[in-house]
Amino acid sequence: LHRKFDLKRPSGKNAASIGYNLGLDGLVLQRVAQERRGVATDSVSASQLAAKLRAIGSLGAHGATQLATLRAGLASPSVDERVAAAWALTQLKGGAQPAVAALTKSLGDVDHVVRGLSALALRDAGGVTDAAIDALAERLTDPDDGVRMASAWAIAAQGSRAMRVFQALMAAGRAQ
């Protein structure tokens, strides 16, 4: 199978095309963009900034030099750009620490993917502010299971500081 098909990401392709190895990645991505995100029919041009944001994330910790761009991406009117920025911040791990305030704000995003990725980025950013812990606790009642789980993980990563939202954790556990 590995000889017949190249399972690695082809060079020169859109960063969002990872995992599409049948030569249909452009068609698939365009269709997904139209159906899920309501993007214009030219999804390639609509996602150029999103691709740039994902590329910053692919740099890992070195992407921390582009935090201003990622914070701006979190505030974009485009859902695709907000998702890309939140994902990129998950890749920075502790380098995302200066973006804690922006990530905390994005926990209230209308898109569940942005909320979940923001919680994961806060989990990996290291010690976060009390306001971030409180916002994560509010997400324990999110309508999306993934957001609730990511928020619980992010709270747990705070160690003893998570005790400030112990009652919210217990209530969320009882609700399940």
Protein backbone atom coordinates (compact mmCIF):
# COMPACT_ATOMS: atom_id res chain seq x y z
CA LEU A 1 0.00 0.00 0.00
CA HIS A 2 2.81 2.43 0.82
CA ARG A 3 4.45 1.75 -2.54
CA LYS A 4 1.31 2.33 -4.56
CA PHE A 5 0.10 5.45 -2.75
CA ASP A 6 2.17 8.16 -1.15
CA LEU A 7 0.59 8.50 2.30
CA LYS A 8 2.65 11.54 3.23
CA ARG A 9 1.31 15.04 2.71
CA PRO A 10 2.24 16.10 -0.83
CA SER A 11 4.42 19.18 -1.06
CA GLY A 12 2.85 22.28 -2.52
CA LYS A 13 -0.64 21.39 -1.34
CA ASN A 14 -2.98 23.35 0.86
CA ALA A 15 -2.18 22.73 4.55
CA ALA A 16 -5.78 21.62 5.11
CA SER A 17 -5.37 18.77 2.64
CA ILE A 18 -3.59 16.46 5.08
CA GLY A 19 -5.08 12.98 4.91
CA TYR A 20 -6.66 13.30 1.46
CA ASN A 21 -4.48 11.04 -0.69
CA LEU A 22 -6.74 10.28 -3.63
CA GLY A 23 -6.02 13.40 -5.68
CA LEU A 24 -9.44 14.82 -4.85
CA ASP A 25 -8.35 17.03 -1.98
CA GLY A 26 -9.27 20.30 -3.69
CA LEU A 27 -12.73 19.05 -4.59
CA VAL A 28 -13.33 17.57 -1.14
CA LEU A 29 -12.12 20.67 0.66
CA GLN A 30 -14.21 22.95 -1.52
CA ARG A 31 -17.32 20.87 -0.87
CA VAL A 32 -16.68 20.76 2.88
CA ALA A 33 -16.09 24.50 2.94
CA GLN A 34 -19.34 25.16 1.11
CA GLU A 35 -21.46 22.80 3.20
CA ARG A 36 -20.03 23.20 6.70
CA ARG A 37 -18.79 26.75 6.81
CA GLY A 38 -20.83 28.58 4.21
CA VAL A 39 -17.73 29.84 2.40
CA ALA A 40 -17.94 31.29 -1.10
CA THR A 41 -17.52 28.83 -3.95
CA ASP A 42 -13.87 29.82 -4.30
CA SER A 43 -12.82 28.19 -1.05
CA VAL A 44 -9.16 28.30 -2.02
CA SER A 45 -8.96 32.10 -1.91
CA ALA A 46 -11.30 32.22 1.07
CA SER A 47 -8.93 30.05 3.07
CA GLN A 48 -5.59 31.70 2.25
CA LEU A 49 -5.35 33.37 5.66
CA ALA A 50 -6.53 30.16 7.34
CA ALA A 51 -3.72 28.30 5.54
CA LYS A 52 -1.23 30.91 6.75
CA LEU A 53 -2.47 30.49 10.32
CA ARG A 54 -2.15 26.69 10.08
CA ALA A 55 1.37 27.12 8.69
CA ILE A 56 2.29 29.16 11.76
CA GLY A 57 1.00 26.32 13.94
CA SER A 58 3.06 23.81 12.00
CA LEU A 59 6.16 25.62 13.24
CA GLY A 60 5.39 24.41 16.76
CA ALA A 61 7.05 26.47 19.47
CA HIS A 62 8.78 28.60 16.82
CA GLY A 63 5.34 29.87 15.79
CA ALA A 64 5.21 31.87 19.03
CA THR A 65 6.91 34.72 17.17
CA GLN A 66 3.63 35.18 15.27
CA LEU A 67 1.31 35.46 18.28
CA ALA A 68 -0.15 38.79 17.12
CA THR A 69 -1.27 37.16 13.85
CA LEU A 70 -2.79 34.21 15.73
CA ARG A 71 -4.63 36.47 18.19
CA ALA A 72 -6.03 38.44 15.25
CA GLY A 73 -7.09 35.15 13.65
CA LEU A 74 -9.08 34.24 16.76
CA ALA A 75 -11.03 37.49 16.34
CA SER A 76 -11.65 37.04 12.61
CA PRO A 77 -15.22 37.09 11.27
CA SER A 78 -14.33 33.91 9.33
CA VAL A 79 -15.01 30.66 11.19
CA ASP A 80 -12.32 28.91 9.14
CA GLU A 81 -9.74 31.49 10.21
CA ARG A 82 -10.79 31.26 13.86
CA VAL A 83 -10.54 27.46 13.74
CA ALA A 84 -7.11 27.67 12.08
CA ALA A 85 -5.85 30.18 14.65
CA ALA A 86 -7.14 28.12 17.58
CA TRP A 87 -5.56 24.97 16.13
CA ALA A 88 -2.26 26.78 15.58
CA LEU A 89 -2.25 27.90 19.21
CA THR A 90 -2.66 24.26 20.32
CA GLN A 91 0.60 23.53 18.53
CA LEU A 92 2.56 26.22 20.40
CA LYS A 93 2.10 24.50 23.78
CA GLY A 94 3.64 26.83 26.42
CA GLY A 95 4.41 29.38 23.70
CA ALA A 96 0.69 30.19 23.65
CA GLN A 97 0.87 31.60 27.19
CA PRO A 98 0.79 35.25 26.02
CA ALA A 99 -2.45 34.49 24.14
CA VAL A 100 -4.35 33.25 27.22
CA ALA A 101 -6.68 36.28 27.27
CA ALA A 102 -7.60 35.84 23.59
CA LEU A 103 -8.08 32.08 24.07
CA THR A 104 -10.25 32.72 27.11
CA LYS A 105 -12.44 35.04 25.07
CA SER A 106 -12.69 32.48 22.25
CA LEU A 107 -14.16 29.94 24.68
CA GLY A 108 -17.39 31.85 24.03
CA ASP A 109 -17.18 31.50 20.24
CA VAL A 110 -20.33 30.42 18.39
CA ASP A 111 -18.41 27.55 16.74
CA HIS A 112 -17.88 24.45 18.87
CA VAL A 113 -14.60 23.60 17.12
CA VAL A 114 -13.13 26.99 18.05
CA ARG A 115 -14.31 26.55 21.65
CA GLY A 116 -12.83 23.05 21.92
CA LEU A 117 -9.51 23.96 20.35
CA SER A 118 -9.27 27.03 22.57
CA ALA A 119 -9.75 24.85 25.64
CA LEU A 120 -7.02 22.49 24.44
CA ALA A 121 -4.67 25.41 23.80
CA LEU A 122 -5.34 26.68 27.33
CA ARG A 123 -4.62 23.18 28.68
CA ASP A 124 -1.22 23.14 27.03
CA ALA A 125 -0.33 26.80 27.62
CA GLY A 126 0.64 26.13 31.22
CA GLY A 127 -0.64 28.01 34.22
CA VAL A 128 -3.51 30.20 33.11
CA THR A 129 -5.33 33.06 34.80
CA ASP A 130 -8.17 32.60 37.27
CA ALA A 131 -10.47 34.19 34.68
CA ALA A 132 -9.47 31.47 32.19
CA ILE A 133 -10.16 28.73 34.75
CA ASP A 134 -13.57 30.28 35.47
CA ALA A 135 -14.36 30.48 31.73
CA LEU A 136 -13.32 26.84 31.31
CA ALA A 137 -15.66 25.90 34.16
CA GLU A 138 -18.52 27.62 32.32
CA ARG A 139 -17.79 25.40 29.30
CA LEU A 140 -18.43 22.29 31.42
CA THR A 141 -22.10 22.80 30.51
CA ASP A 142 -21.42 23.39 26.80
CA PRO A 143 -23.88 21.69 24.42
CA ASP A 144 -20.96 19.96 22.68
CA ASP A 145 -19.45 16.87 24.35
CA GLY A 146 -15.98 17.57 22.92
CA VAL A 147 -15.93 21.10 24.32
CA ARG A 148 -16.98 19.84 27.75
CA MET A 149 -14.25 17.19 27.71
CA ALA A 150 -11.53 19.57 26.49
CA SER A 151 -12.54 22.09 29.15
CA ALA A 152 -12.35 19.46 31.88
CA TRP A 153 -8.87 18.43 30.67
CA ALA A 154 -7.76 22.06 30.66
CA ILE A 155 -9.04 22.54 34.21
CA ALA A 156 -7.33 19.34 35.37
CA ALA A 157 -4.04 20.55 33.87
CA GLN A 158 -4.09 23.47 36.32
CA GLY A 159 -3.40 21.16 39.27
CA SER A 160 -4.39 22.48 42.67
CA ARG A 161 -5.51 25.77 41.09
CA ALA A 162 -8.47 23.81 39.68
CA MET A 163 -9.93 23.65 43.19
CA ARG A 164 -11.41 27.10 42.63
CA VAL A 165 -13.98 25.46 40.29
CA PHE A 166 -14.36 22.19 42.20
CA GLN A 167 -18.12 22.66 42.66
CA ALA A 168 -18.58 23.22 38.91
CA LEU A 169 -16.60 20.04 38.19
CA MET A 170 -18.73 18.06 40.61
CA ALA A 171 -21.96 19.46 39.16
CA ALA A 172 -20.82 18.60 35.64
CA GLY A 173 -20.00 15.06 36.75
CA ARG A 174 -23.44 14.62 38.30
CA ALA A 175 -25.14 15.96 35.18
CA GLN A 176 -23.56 13.21 33.09
